[in-house]
Structure formats: structure tokens, C-alpha cells
All heavy atoms as atom14 arrays in JSON, in Angstrom:
{
  "sequence": "RKQMRIISETFKGYTEIQLNHAFPLFHKRFEEGLQKISLYREETD",
  "atom14_mask": [
    [1, 1, 1, 1, 1, 1, 1, 1, 1, 1, 1, 0, 0, 0],
    [1, 1, 1, 1, 1, 1, 1, 1, 1, 0, 0, 0, 0, 0],
    [1, 1, 1, 1, 1, 1, 1, 1, 1, 0, 0, 0, 0, 0],
    [1, 1, 1, 1, 1, 1, 1, 1, 0, 0, 0, 0, 0, 0],
    [1, 1, 1, 1, 1, 1, 1, 1, 1, 1, 1, 0, 0, 0],
    [1, 1, 1, 1, 1, 1, 1, 1, 0, 0, 0, 0, 0, 0],
    [1, 1, 1, 1, 1, 1, 1, 1, 0, 0, 0, 0, 0, 0],
    [1, 1, 1, 1, 1, 1, 0, 0, 0, 0, 0, 0, 0, 0],
    [1, 1, 1, 1, 1, 1, 1, 1, 1, 0, 0, 0, 0, 0],
    [1, 1, 1, 1, 1, 1, 1, 0, 0, 0, 0, 0, 0, 0],
    [1, 1, 1, 1, 1, 1, 1, 1, 1, 1, 1, 0, 0, 0],
    [1, 1, 1, 1, 1, 1, 1, 1, 1, 0, 0, 0, 0, 0],
    [1, 1, 1, 1, 0, 0, 0, 0, 0, 0, 0, 0, 0, 0],
    [1, 1, 1, 1, 1, 1, 1, 1, 1, 1, 1, 1, 0, 0],
    [1, 1, 1, 1, 1, 1, 1, 0, 0, 0, 0, 0, 0, 0],
    [1, 1, 1, 1, 1, 1, 1, 1, 1, 0, 0, 0, 0, 0],
    [1, 1, 1, 1, 1, 1, 1, 1, 0, 0, 0, 0, 0, 0],
    [1, 1, 1, 1, 1, 1, 1, 1, 1, 0, 0, 0, 0, 0],
    [1, 1, 1, 1, 1, 1, 1, 1, 0, 0, 0, 0, 0, 0],
    [1, 1, 1, 1, 1, 1, 1, 1, 0, 0, 0, 0, 0, 0],
    [1, 1, 1, 1, 1, 1, 1, 1, 1, 1, 0, 0, 0, 0],
    [1, 1, 1, 1, 1, 0, 0, 0, 0, 0, 0, 0, 0, 0],
    [1, 1, 1, 1, 1, 1, 1, 1, 1, 1, 1, 0, 0, 0],
    [1, 1, 1, 1, 1, 1, 1, 0, 0, 0, 0, 0, 0, 0],
    [1, 1, 1, 1, 1, 1, 1, 1, 0, 0, 0, 0, 0, 0],
    [1, 1, 1, 1, 1, 1, 1, 1, 1, 1, 1, 0, 0, 0],
    [1, 1, 1, 1, 1, 1, 1, 1, 1, 1, 0, 0, 0, 0],
    [1, 1, 1, 1, 1, 1, 1, 1, 1, 0, 0, 0, 0, 0],
    [1, 1, 1, 1, 1, 1, 1, 1, 1, 1, 1, 0, 0, 0],
    [1, 1, 1, 1, 1, 1, 1, 1, 1, 1, 1, 0, 0, 0],
    [1, 1, 1, 1, 1, 1, 1, 1, 1, 0, 0, 0, 0, 0],
    [1, 1, 1, 1, 1, 1, 1, 1, 1, 0, 0, 0, 0, 0],
    [1, 1, 1, 1, 0, 0, 0, 0, 0, 0, 0, 0, 0, 0],
    [1, 1, 1, 1, 1, 1, 1, 1, 0, 0, 0, 0, 0, 0],
    [1, 1, 1, 1, 1, 1, 1, 1, 1, 0, 0, 0, 0, 0],
    [1, 1, 1, 1, 1, 1, 1, 1, 1, 0, 0, 0, 0, 0],
    [1, 1, 1, 1, 1, 1, 1, 1, 0, 0, 0, 0, 0, 0],
    [1, 1, 1, 1, 1, 1, 0, 0, 0, 0, 0, 0, 0, 0],
    [1, 1, 1, 1, 1, 1, 1, 1, 0, 0, 0, 0, 0, 0],
    [1, 1, 1, 1, 1, 1, 1, 1, 1, 1, 1, 1, 0, 0],
    [1, 1, 1, 1, 1, 1, 1, 1, 1, 1, 1, 0, 0, 0],
    [1, 1, 1, 1, 1, 1, 1, 1, 1, 0, 0, 0, 0, 0],
    [1, 1, 1, 1, 1, 1, 1, 1, 1, 0, 0, 0, 0, 0],
    [1, 1, 1, 1, 1, 1, 1, 0, 0, 0, 0, 0, 0, 0],
    [1, 1, 1, 1, 1, 1, 1, 1, 0, 0, 0, 0, 0, 0]
  ],
  "atom14_positions": [
    [[-0.9, -6.9, -7.27], [-0.99, -8.02, -6.36], [-0.37, -7.55, -4.97], [-0.93, -7.87, -3.94], [-0.25, -9.22, -6.89], [-0.97, -9.85, -8.07], [-0.18, -11.05, -8.59], [-0.19, -12.16, -7.7], [0.4, -13.31, -7.96], [1.01, -13.49, -9.13], [0.4, -14.32, -7.1], [0.0, 0.0, 0.0], [0.0, 0.0, 0.0], [0.0, 0.0, 0.0]],
    [[0.72, -6.82, -5.09], [1.34, -6.28, -3.81], [0.37, -5.31, -3.14], [0.27, -5.29, -1.93], [2.63, -5.63, -4.17], [3.71, -6.6, -4.62], [4.97, -5.85, -4.99], [6.09, -6.84, -5.42], [7.36, -6.12, -5.79], [0.0, 0.0, 0.0], [0.0, 0.0, 0.0], [0.0, 0.0, 0.0], [0.0, 0.0, 0.0], [0.0, 0.0, 0.0]],
    [[-0.32, -4.55, -3.95], [-1.24, -3.51, -3.36], [-2.42, -4.29, -2.56], [-2.77, -3.83, -1.48], [-1.89, -2.66, -4.49], [-0.91, -1.74, -5.24], [-0.4, -0.64, -4.4], [0.5, -0.8, -3.65], [-1.02, 0.49, -4.54], [0.0, 0.0, 0.0], [0.0, 0.0, 0.0], [0.0, 0.0, 0.0], [0.0, 0.0, 0.0], [0.0, 0.0, 0.0]],
    [[-2.95, -5.36, -3.19], [-3.96, -6.08, -2.53], [-3.43, -6.72, -1.27], [-4.14, -6.84, -0.25], [-4.51, -7.13, -3.47], [-5.32, -6.58, -4.67], [-6.6, -5.47, -4.19], [-7.62, -6.55, -3.2], [0.0, 0.0, 0.0], [0.0, 0.0, 0.0], [0.0, 0.0, 0.0], [0.0, 0.0, 0.0], [0.0, 0.0, 0.0], [0.0, 0.0, 0.0]],
    [[-2.19, -7.15, -1.34], [-1.61, -7.79, -0.14], [-1.45, -6.74, 0.99], [-1.74, -7.04, 2.17], [-0.21, -8.35, -0.47], [0.33, -9.31, 0.63], [1.64, -9.91, 0.23], [1.49, -10.68, -0.98], [2.08, -10.48, -2.11], [2.99, -9.42, -2.19], [1.97, -11.25, -3.17], [0.0, 0.0, 0.0], [0.0, 0.0, 0.0], [0.0, 0.0, 0.0]],
    [[-1.09, -5.51, 0.68], [-0.92, -4.46, 1.66], [-2.3, -4.13, 2.29], [-2.45, -3.98, 3.52], [-0.34, -3.15, 0.98], [1.12, -3.38, 0.6], [-0.47, -2.01, 1.92], [1.71, -2.27, -0.14], [0.0, 0.0, 0.0], [0.0, 0.0, 0.0], [0.0, 0.0, 0.0], [0.0, 0.0, 0.0], [0.0, 0.0, 0.0], [0.0, 0.0, 0.0]],
    [[-3.35, -4.05, 1.42], [-4.7, -3.8, 1.97], [-5.14, -4.91, 2.91], [-5.68, -4.62, 4.04], [-5.71, -3.7, 0.77], [-5.39, -2.45, 0.0], [-7.15, -3.64, 1.3], [-6.17, -2.29, -1.32], [0.0, 0.0, 0.0], [0.0, 0.0, 0.0], [0.0, 0.0, 0.0], [0.0, 0.0, 0.0], [0.0, 0.0, 0.0], [0.0, 0.0, 0.0]],
    [[-4.94, -6.16, 2.49], [-5.34, -7.33, 3.32], [-4.59, -7.3, 4.65], [-5.2, -7.52, 5.72], [-5.09, -8.62, 2.57], [-5.33, -9.72, 3.35], [0.0, 0.0, 0.0], [0.0, 0.0, 0.0], [0.0, 0.0, 0.0], [0.0, 0.0, 0.0], [0.0, 0.0, 0.0], [0.0, 0.0, 0.0], [0.0, 0.0, 0.0], [0.0, 0.0, 0.0]],
    [[-3.25, -7.1, 4.57], [-2.48, -7.06, 5.81], [-2.89, -5.92, 6.74], [-2.83, -6.05, 7.97], [-1.01, -7.01, 5.47], [-0.4, -8.26, 4.83], [0.98, -8.1, 4.38], [1.42, -6.93, 4.33], [1.6, -9.12, 3.98], [0.0, 0.0, 0.0], [0.0, 0.0, 0.0], [0.0, 0.0, 0.0], [0.0, 0.0, 0.0], [0.0, 0.0, 0.0]],
    [[-3.26, -4.8, 6.17], [-3.67, -3.63, 6.96], [-4.87, -3.92, 7.74], [-5.04, -3.62, 8.91], [-3.83, -2.4, 6.1], [-2.61, -2.18, 5.4], [-4.19, -1.17, 6.89], [0.0, 0.0, 0.0], [0.0, 0.0, 0.0], [0.0, 0.0, 0.0], [0.0, 0.0, 0.0], [0.0, 0.0, 0.0], [0.0, 0.0, 0.0], [0.0, 0.0, 0.0]],
    [[-5.87, -4.54, 7.08], [-7.14, -4.95, 7.77], [-6.89, -6.02, 8.81], [-7.4, -5.91, 9.97], [-8.12, -5.43, 6.82], [-8.89, -4.24, 6.1], [-8.63, -4.01, 4.8], [-9.89, -3.54, 6.82], [-9.29, -2.93, 4.17], [-10.53, -2.48, 6.17], [-10.29, -2.18, 4.88], [0.0, 0.0, 0.0], [0.0, 0.0, 0.0], [0.0, 0.0, 0.0]],
    [[-6.08, -7.02, 8.49], [-5.86, -8.09, 9.49], [-5.04, -7.61, 10.67], [-5.3, -8.04, 11.81], [-5.11, -9.18, 8.78], [-5.96, -9.98, 7.78], [-5.16, -11.13, 7.16], [-5.91, -11.94, 6.17], [-5.15, -12.98, 5.5], [0.0, 0.0, 0.0], [0.0, 0.0, 0.0], [0.0, 0.0, 0.0], [0.0, 0.0, 0.0], [0.0, 0.0, 0.0]],
    [[-4.1, -6.73, 10.47], [-3.24, -6.3, 11.58], [-3.47, -4.92, 12.09], [-2.61, -4.18, 12.53], [0.0, 0.0, 0.0], [0.0, 0.0, 0.0], [0.0, 0.0, 0.0], [0.0, 0.0, 0.0], [0.0, 0.0, 0.0], [0.0, 0.0, 0.0], [0.0, 0.0, 0.0], [0.0, 0.0, 0.0], [0.0, 0.0, 0.0], [0.0, 0.0, 0.0]],
    [[-4.77, -4.48, 11.92], [-5.07, -3.1, 12.23], [-4.71, -2.66, 13.64], [-4.04, -1.63, 13.84], [-6.64, -2.85, 12.09], [-7.12, -1.52, 12.52], [-7.06, -0.42, 11.64], [-7.58, -1.26, 13.84], [-7.37, 0.81, 12.05], [-7.94, 0.0, 14.23], [-7.84, 1.03, 13.32], [-8.27, 2.28, 13.71], [0.0, 0.0, 0.0], [0.0, 0.0, 0.0]],
    [[-4.99, -3.47, 14.63], [-4.67, -3.16, 16.03], [-3.22, -2.95, 16.24], [-2.78, -1.92, 16.77], [-5.24, -4.19, 17.02], [-6.63, -4.41, 16.73], [-4.96, -3.78, 18.43], [0.0, 0.0, 0.0], [0.0, 0.0, 0.0], [0.0, 0.0, 0.0], [0.0, 0.0, 0.0], [0.0, 0.0, 0.0], [0.0, 0.0, 0.0], [0.0, 0.0, 0.0]],
    [[-2.38, -3.87, 15.83], [-0.92, -3.78, 16.02], [-0.35, -2.69, 15.2], [0.58, -1.98, 15.65], [-0.3, -5.16, 15.71], [-0.68, -6.21, 16.66], [-0.14, -7.62, 16.24], [1.06, -7.83, 16.53], [-0.83, -8.36, 15.61], [0.0, 0.0, 0.0], [0.0, 0.0, 0.0], [0.0, 0.0, 0.0], [0.0, 0.0, 0.0], [0.0, 0.0, 0.0]],
    [[-0.86, -2.45, 13.98], [-0.33, -1.42, 13.13], [-0.63, -0.05, 13.79], [0.17, 0.84, 13.76], [-0.93, -1.48, 11.74], [-0.45, -2.73, 11.03], [-0.59, -0.28, 10.89], [-1.12, -3.01, 9.66], [0.0, 0.0, 0.0], [0.0, 0.0, 0.0], [0.0, 0.0, 0.0], [0.0, 0.0, 0.0], [0.0, 0.0, 0.0], [0.0, 0.0, 0.0]],
    [[-1.81, 0.07, 14.33], [-2.23, 1.32, 14.95], [-1.38, 1.58, 16.21], [-0.87, 2.68, 16.35], [-3.68, 1.25, 15.36], [-4.3, 2.5, 16.06], [-4.33, 3.68, 15.07], [-4.49, 3.5, 13.87], [-4.33, 4.91, 15.62], [0.0, 0.0, 0.0], [0.0, 0.0, 0.0], [0.0, 0.0, 0.0], [0.0, 0.0, 0.0], [0.0, 0.0, 0.0]],
    [[-1.17, 0.55, 17.01], [-0.44, 0.71, 18.25], [1.08, 1.03, 17.95], [1.71, 1.7, 18.79], [-0.54, -0.52, 19.18], [-1.93, -0.8, 19.73], [-1.91, -2.13, 20.43], [-2.37, 0.37, 20.7], [0.0, 0.0, 0.0], [0.0, 0.0, 0.0], [0.0, 0.0, 0.0], [0.0, 0.0, 0.0], [0.0, 0.0, 0.0], [0.0, 0.0, 0.0]],
    [[1.59, 0.5, 16.89], [2.99, 0.73, 16.57], [3.22, 1.92, 15.6], [4.32, 2.1, 15.09], [3.59, -0.55, 15.95], [3.74, -1.63, 16.93], [4.71, -1.58, 17.75], [2.86, -2.6, 16.99], [0.0, 0.0, 0.0], [0.0, 0.0, 0.0], [0.0, 0.0, 0.0], [0.0, 0.0, 0.0], [0.0, 0.0, 0.0], [0.0, 0.0, 0.0]],
    [[2.12, 2.68, 15.39], [2.21, 3.82, 14.45], [2.83, 3.44, 13.12], [3.67, 4.18, 12.56], [3.07, 4.99, 15.17], [2.51, 5.35, 16.47], [1.29, 6.08, 16.65], [2.99, 5.16, 17.7], [1.15, 6.3, 17.94], [2.11, 5.73, 18.63], [0.0, 0.0, 0.0], [0.0, 0.0, 0.0], [0.0, 0.0, 0.0], [0.0, 0.0, 0.0]],
    [[2.46, 2.33, 12.53], [3.0, 1.86, 11.34], [2.18, 2.23, 10.09], [2.61, 1.89, 8.98], [3.11, 0.32, 11.42], [0.0, 0.0, 0.0], [0.0, 0.0, 0.0], [0.0, 0.0, 0.0], [0.0, 0.0, 0.0], [0.0, 0.0, 0.0], [0.0, 0.0, 0.0], [0.0, 0.0, 0.0], [0.0, 0.0, 0.0], [0.0, 0.0, 0.0]],
    [[1.08, 2.91, 10.29], [0.22, 3.22, 9.15], [0.98, 4.14, 8.12], [0.8, 3.96, 6.91], [-1.04, 3.96, 9.63], [-2.16, 2.98, 9.83], [-2.68, 2.82, 11.1], [-2.7, 2.26, 8.82], [-3.69, 1.96, 11.38], [-3.74, 1.4, 9.05], [-4.28, 1.25, 10.34], [0.0, 0.0, 0.0], [0.0, 0.0, 0.0], [0.0, 0.0, 0.0]],
    [[1.81, 5.15, 8.55], [2.53, 5.9, 7.53], [3.38, 5.03, 6.62], [3.45, 5.34, 5.47], [3.38, 6.87, 8.44], [2.63, 6.98, 9.73], [2.0, 5.67, 9.89], [0.0, 0.0, 0.0], [0.0, 0.0, 0.0], [0.0, 0.0, 0.0], [0.0, 0.0, 0.0], [0.0, 0.0, 0.0], [0.0, 0.0, 0.0], [0.0, 0.0, 0.0]],
    [[4.05, 4.05, 7.15], [4.89, 3.15, 6.33], [4.02, 2.4, 5.33], [4.32, 2.32, 4.16], [5.67, 2.18, 7.21], [6.55, 1.16, 6.46], [7.54, 1.88, 5.62], [7.14, 0.16, 7.45], [0.0, 0.0, 0.0], [0.0, 0.0, 0.0], [0.0, 0.0, 0.0], [0.0, 0.0, 0.0], [0.0, 0.0, 0.0], [0.0, 0.0, 0.0]],
    [[2.86, 1.84, 5.78], [2.02, 1.12, 4.87], [1.46, 2.01, 3.81], [1.29, 1.66, 2.65], [0.86, 0.42, 5.67], [1.24, -0.86, 6.35], [2.01, -0.85, 7.48], [0.92, -2.05, 5.79], [2.38, -2.06, 8.13], [1.24, -3.28, 6.38], [2.03, -3.25, 7.54], [0.0, 0.0, 0.0], [0.0, 0.0, 0.0], [0.0, 0.0, 0.0]],
    [[1.09, 3.26, 4.3], [0.48, 4.25, 3.31], [1.53, 4.64, 2.27], [1.25, 4.73, 1.06], [0.07, 5.51, 4.09], [-0.63, 6.52, 3.23], [0.04, 7.59, 2.68], [-1.94, 6.6, 2.82], [-0.82, 8.31, 1.98], [-2.02, 7.72, 1.99], [0.0, 0.0, 0.0], [0.0, 0.0, 0.0], [0.0, 0.0, 0.0], [0.0, 0.0, 0.0]],
    [[2.81, 4.79, 2.74], [3.89, 5.15, 1.81], [4.04, 4.04, 0.75], [4.21, 4.32, -0.41], [5.18, 5.38, 2.58], [6.33, 5.76, 1.71], [7.63, 5.9, 2.58], [8.78, 6.2, 1.65], [10.12, 6.28, 2.45], [0.0, 0.0, 0.0], [0.0, 0.0, 0.0], [0.0, 0.0, 0.0], [0.0, 0.0, 0.0], [0.0, 0.0, 0.0]],
    [[4.08, 2.81, 1.2], [4.29, 1.7, 0.24], [3.08, 1.61, -0.72], [3.31, 1.35, -1.9], [4.33, 0.4, 0.99], [5.65, 0.24, 1.81], [5.62, -1.07, 2.63], [6.87, -1.27, 3.41], [7.12, -2.19, 4.21], [6.2, -3.12, 4.45], [8.24, -2.31, 4.88], [0.0, 0.0, 0.0], [0.0, 0.0, 0.0], [0.0, 0.0, 0.0]],
    [[1.9, 1.88, -0.2], [0.74, 1.8, -1.12], [0.8, 2.98, -2.15], [0.55, 2.79, -3.3], [-0.56, 2.0, -0.3], [-1.79, 1.72, -1.03], [-2.23, 0.37, -1.3], [-2.59, 2.77, -1.55], [-3.44, 0.17, -2.02], [-3.77, 2.47, -2.25], [-4.1, 1.18, -2.51], [0.0, 0.0, 0.0], [0.0, 0.0, 0.0], [0.0, 0.0, 0.0]],
    [[1.19, 4.18, -1.73], [1.33, 5.34, -2.58], [2.4, 5.07, -3.66], [2.26, 5.41, -4.83], [1.68, 6.64, -1.87], [0.5, 7.24, -1.07], [-0.5, 7.84, -1.95], [-0.16, 8.18, -3.12], [-1.71, 7.86, -1.64], [0.0, 0.0, 0.0], [0.0, 0.0, 0.0], [0.0, 0.0, 0.0], [0.0, 0.0, 0.0], [0.0, 0.0, 0.0]],
    [[3.51, 4.47, -3.28], [4.58, 4.15, -4.22], [4.08, 3.17, -5.27], [4.4, 3.29, -6.45], [5.81, 3.57, -3.5], [6.58, 4.54, -2.58], [7.62, 3.89, -1.84], [7.71, 2.64, -1.78], [8.45, 4.62, -1.17], [0.0, 0.0, 0.0], [0.0, 0.0, 0.0], [0.0, 0.0, 0.0], [0.0, 0.0, 0.0], [0.0, 0.0, 0.0]],
    [[3.27, 2.22, -4.86], [2.67, 1.28, -5.76], [1.7, 1.98, -6.77], [1.73, 1.67, -7.97], [0.0, 0.0, 0.0], [0.0, 0.0, 0.0], [0.0, 0.0, 0.0], [0.0, 0.0, 0.0], [0.0, 0.0, 0.0], [0.0, 0.0, 0.0], [0.0, 0.0, 0.0], [0.0, 0.0, 0.0], [0.0, 0.0, 0.0], [0.0, 0.0, 0.0]],
    [[0.91, 2.9, -6.26], [-0.01, 3.62, -7.15], [0.74, 4.44, -8.16], [0.35, 4.53, -9.34], [-0.9, 4.63, -6.29], [-2.01, 3.97, -5.52], [-2.74, 5.05, -4.7], [-2.96, 3.23, -6.44], [0.0, 0.0, 0.0], [0.0, 0.0, 0.0], [0.0, 0.0, 0.0], [0.0, 0.0, 0.0], [0.0, 0.0, 0.0], [0.0, 0.0, 0.0]],
    [[1.88, 5.09, -7.78], [2.64, 5.88, -8.74], [3.2, 4.98, -9.82], [3.26, 5.32, -11.04], [3.77, 6.62, -7.97], [3.3, 7.7, -7.09], [4.33, 8.3, -6.21], [5.55, 8.05, -6.41], [3.99, 9.23, -5.33], [0.0, 0.0, 0.0], [0.0, 0.0, 0.0], [0.0, 0.0, 0.0], [0.0, 0.0, 0.0], [0.0, 0.0, 0.0]],
    [[3.75, 3.79, -9.43], [4.26, 2.88, -10.45], [3.16, 2.34, -11.39], [3.44, 2.26, -12.62], [4.96, 1.73, -9.8], [6.26, 2.1, -9.02], [6.84, 0.85, -8.39], [8.18, 1.23, -7.62], [8.82, 0.05, -6.99], [0.0, 0.0, 0.0], [0.0, 0.0, 0.0], [0.0, 0.0, 0.0], [0.0, 0.0, 0.0], [0.0, 0.0, 0.0]],
    [[2.06, 2.08, -10.85], [0.93, 1.63, -11.72], [0.52, 2.69, -12.68], [0.28, 2.46, -13.89], [-0.35, 1.18, -10.8], [-0.02, -0.1, -10.04], [-1.57, 1.09, -11.7], [-1.07, -0.46, -9.01], [0.0, 0.0, 0.0], [0.0, 0.0, 0.0], [0.0, 0.0, 0.0], [0.0, 0.0, 0.0], [0.0, 0.0, 0.0], [0.0, 0.0, 0.0]],
    [[0.47, 3.96, -12.21], [0.16, 5.07, -13.03], [1.18, 5.23, -14.2], [0.84, 5.44, -15.32], [0.05, 6.34, -12.22], [-0.22, 7.46, -13.0], [0.0, 0.0, 0.0], [0.0, 0.0, 0.0], [0.0, 0.0, 0.0], [0.0, 0.0, 0.0], [0.0, 0.0, 0.0], [0.0, 0.0, 0.0], [0.0, 0.0, 0.0], [0.0, 0.0, 0.0]],
    [[2.45, 5.05, -13.8], [3.49, 5.18, -14.77], [3.4, 4.1, -15.88], [3.45, 4.37, -17.05], [4.88, 5.1, -14.09], [6.08, 5.09, -15.02], [6.18, 6.4, -15.8], [7.34, 4.84, -14.18], [0.0, 0.0, 0.0], [0.0, 0.0, 0.0], [0.0, 0.0, 0.0], [0.0, 0.0, 0.0], [0.0, 0.0, 0.0], [0.0, 0.0, 0.0]],
    [[3.19, 2.84, -15.43], [3.07, 1.73, -16.39], [1.85, 1.8, -17.28], [1.87, 1.49, -18.44], [3.11, 0.39, -15.68], [4.44, 0.04, -15.13], [4.63, -0.33, -13.8], [5.6, 0.01, -15.93], [5.86, -0.67, -13.24], [6.84, -0.31, -15.43], [7.01, -0.71, -14.1], [8.24, -0.99, -13.63], [0.0, 0.0, 0.0], [0.0, 0.0, 0.0]],
    [[0.78, 2.29, -16.65], [-0.49, 2.49, -17.4], [-0.34, 3.57, -18.46], [-0.75, 3.44, -19.62], [-1.65, 2.83, -16.41], [-3.0, 3.11, -17.11], [-3.47, 2.13, -18.06], [-3.35, 0.79, -17.66], [-3.49, -0.28, -18.4], [-3.7, -0.12, -19.69], [-3.38, -1.52, -17.95], [0.0, 0.0, 0.0], [0.0, 0.0, 0.0], [0.0, 0.0, 0.0]],
    [[0.39, 4.65, -18.13], [0.62, 5.71, -19.01], [1.46, 5.29, -20.17], [1.21, 5.62, -21.35], [1.31, 6.94, -18.26], [1.51, 8.19, -19.14], [2.19, 9.24, -18.36], [2.21, 9.22, -17.16], [2.72, 10.19, -19.05], [0.0, 0.0, 0.0], [0.0, 0.0, 0.0], [0.0, 0.0, 0.0], [0.0, 0.0, 0.0], [0.0, 0.0, 0.0]],
    [[2.57, 4.51, -19.87], [3.45, 3.99, -20.89], [2.74, 3.03, -21.84], [2.89, 3.02, -23.04], [4.66, 3.29, -20.26], [5.63, 4.23, -19.61], [6.25, 5.17, -20.6], [6.71, 4.75, -21.69], [6.36, 6.35, -20.26], [0.0, 0.0, 0.0], [0.0, 0.0, 0.0], [0.0, 0.0, 0.0], [0.0, 0.0, 0.0], [0.0, 0.0, 0.0]],
    [[1.81, 2.21, -21.24], [1.03, 1.28, -22.02], [0.13, 2.0, -22.99], [0.02, 1.61, -24.2], [0.23, 0.33, -21.12], [1.12, -0.41, -20.26], [-0.55, -0.64, -21.94], [0.0, 0.0, 0.0], [0.0, 0.0, 0.0], [0.0, 0.0, 0.0], [0.0, 0.0, 0.0], [0.0, 0.0, 0.0], [0.0, 0.0, 0.0], [0.0, 0.0, 0.0]],
    [[-0.61, 2.99, -22.52], [-1.49, 3.78, -23.34], [-0.79, 4.49, -24.47], [-1.26, 4.5, -25.6], [-2.26, 4.8, -22.49], [-3.29, 4.13, -21.54], [-3.63, 2.97, -21.79], [-3.69, 4.84, -20.61], [0.0, 0.0, 0.0], [0.0, 0.0, 0.0], [0.0, 0.0, 0.0], [0.0, 0.0, 0.0], [0.0, 0.0, 0.0], [0.0, 0.0, 0.0]]
  ]
}
């Protein structure tokens, strides 16, 4: 759910995120979420 929120916010605030060079932060948060999802999926399997 947090991942989907990050994606939605990135599209909605594209201009301001681009101008403020905030994409690396959003990308980092998204990558951290992917790693946690991978970990929980591995543990579940």
C-alpha cells in the first residue's frame, strides 16, 4: 500500500519533485519497500 502511495504521489507531484531533485529520495523509499516485500515473500514461501 505504501508502494502504491509512493507511485501515485510521484506522478501527481512530478514537476515539483523534478525541480527539487527529490526523485532519489522517492526511489530509495521505493527500493527499501521492494527489499522488505522480497524478504517477507521469501519467509512466507
